[in-house]
Amino acid sequence: MLYWALIFLLIALVSAVFGFGGIATTAASIAQILFIIALVLLLISLVVGFTRSKR
């Protein structure tokens, strides 16, 4: 668990550098795309999980 906390800390520090450096709009658009992809994958996994559990 500590490993993941350190990974997320590094990601936060890198994104802060980009945000304060002027690449914020590009980073924000990439974050929006990744969020939408994550939502789609979540919905797909939920649908597959519900259909397999009913069999």
C-alpha atoms as a PDB file:
ATOM      1  CA  MET A   1       0.000   0.000   0.000  1.00  0.00           C
ATOM      2  CA  LEU A   2       2.865   2.344   0.749  1.00  0.00           C
ATOM      3  CA  TYR A   3       4.245   1.601  -2.717  1.00  0.00           C
ATOM      4  CA  TRP A   4       1.051   2.847  -4.375  1.00  0.00           C
ATOM      5  CA  ALA A   5       0.969   5.933  -2.166  1.00  0.00           C
ATOM      6  CA  LEU A   6       4.493   6.823  -3.269  1.00  0.00           C
ATOM      7  CA  ILE A   7       3.604   6.229  -6.925  1.00  0.00           C
ATOM      8  CA  PHE A   8       0.604   8.565  -6.647  1.00  0.00           C
ATOM      9  CA  LEU A   9       2.750  11.133  -4.861  1.00  0.00           C
ATOM     10  CA  LEU A  10       5.203  11.109  -7.764  1.00  0.00           C
ATOM     11  CA  ILE A  11       2.355  11.427 -10.268  1.00  0.00           C
ATOM     12  CA  ALA A  12       0.940  14.365  -8.316  1.00  0.00           C
ATOM     13  CA  LEU A  13       4.320  16.088  -8.217  1.00  0.00           C
ATOM     14  CA  VAL A  14       4.852  15.647 -11.955  1.00  0.00           C
ATOM     15  CA  SER A  15       1.369  16.949 -12.726  1.00  0.00           C
ATOM     16  CA  ALA A  16       1.965  19.935 -10.440  1.00  0.00           C
ATOM     17  CA  VAL A  17       5.134  20.765 -12.351  1.00  0.00           C
ATOM     18  CA  PHE A  18       3.215  20.582 -15.628  1.00  0.00           C
ATOM     19  CA  GLY A  19       0.318  22.591 -14.209  1.00  0.00           C
ATOM     20  CA  PHE A  20       2.533  25.374 -12.949  1.00  0.00           C
ATOM     21  CA  GLY A  21       4.689  25.282 -16.053  1.00  0.00           C
ATOM     22  CA  GLY A  22       1.997  26.255 -18.544  1.00  0.00           C
ATOM     23  CA  ILE A  23       1.119  22.857 -20.000  1.00  0.00           C
ATOM     24  CA  ALA A  24      -2.052  22.780 -17.923  1.00  0.00           C
ATOM     25  CA  THR A  25      -4.510  22.807 -20.825  1.00  0.00           C
ATOM     26  CA  THR A  26      -2.863  19.860 -22.531  1.00  0.00           C
ATOM     27  CA  ALA A  27      -2.649  17.930 -19.276  1.00  0.00           C
ATOM     28  CA  ALA A  28      -6.290  18.714 -18.498  1.00  0.00           C
ATOM     29  CA  SER A  29      -7.481  17.480 -21.881  1.00  0.00           C
ATOM     30  CA  ILE A  30      -5.451  14.285 -21.519  1.00  0.00           C
ATOM     31  CA  ALA A  31      -6.921  13.803 -18.041  1.00  0.00           C
ATOM     32  CA  GLN A  32     -10.452  14.205 -19.411  1.00  0.00           C
ATOM     33  CA  ILE A  33      -9.812  11.610 -22.104  1.00  0.00           C
ATOM     34  CA  LEU A  34      -8.332   9.169 -19.593  1.00  0.00           C
ATOM     35  CA  PHE A  35     -11.303   9.718 -17.267  1.00  0.00           C
ATOM     36  CA  ILE A  36     -13.773   8.923 -20.038  1.00  0.00           C
ATOM     37  CA  ILE A  37     -11.807   5.800 -20.986  1.00  0.00           C
ATOM     38  CA  ALA A  38     -11.799   4.692 -17.341  1.00  0.00           C
ATOM     39  CA  LEU A  39     -15.572   5.192 -17.098  1.00  0.00           C
ATOM     40  CA  VAL A  40     -16.173   3.177 -20.257  1.00  0.00           C
ATOM     41  CA  LEU A  41     -13.966   0.348 -18.986  1.00  0.00           C
ATOM     42  CA  LEU A  42     -15.788   0.423 -15.644  1.00  0.00           C
ATOM     43  CA  LEU A  43     -19.167   0.141 -17.336  1.00  0.00           C
ATOM     44  CA  ILE A  44     -17.976  -2.710 -19.546  1.00  0.00           C
ATOM     45  CA  SER A  45     -16.571  -4.614 -16.585  1.00  0.00           C
ATOM     46  CA  LEU A  46     -19.791  -4.091 -14.611  1.00  0.00           C
ATOM     47  CA  VAL A  47     -21.938  -5.388 -17.466  1.00  0.00           C
ATOM     48  CA  VAL A  48     -19.689  -8.406 -17.986  1.00  0.00           C
ATOM     49  CA  GLY A  49     -19.626  -9.083 -14.246  1.00  0.00           C
ATOM     50  CA  PHE A  50     -23.403  -8.973 -13.937  1.00  0.00           C
ATOM     51  CA  THR A  51     -23.991 -11.177 -16.948  1.00  0.00           C
ATOM     52  CA  ARG A  52     -21.484 -13.814 -15.769  1.00  0.00           C
ATOM     53  CA  SER A  53     -22.788 -13.860 -12.193  1.00  0.00           C
ATOM     54  CA  LYS A  54     -26.372 -14.639 -13.280  1.00  0.00           C
ATOM     55  CA  ARG A  55     -25.354 -17.846 -15.082  1.00  0.00           C
END
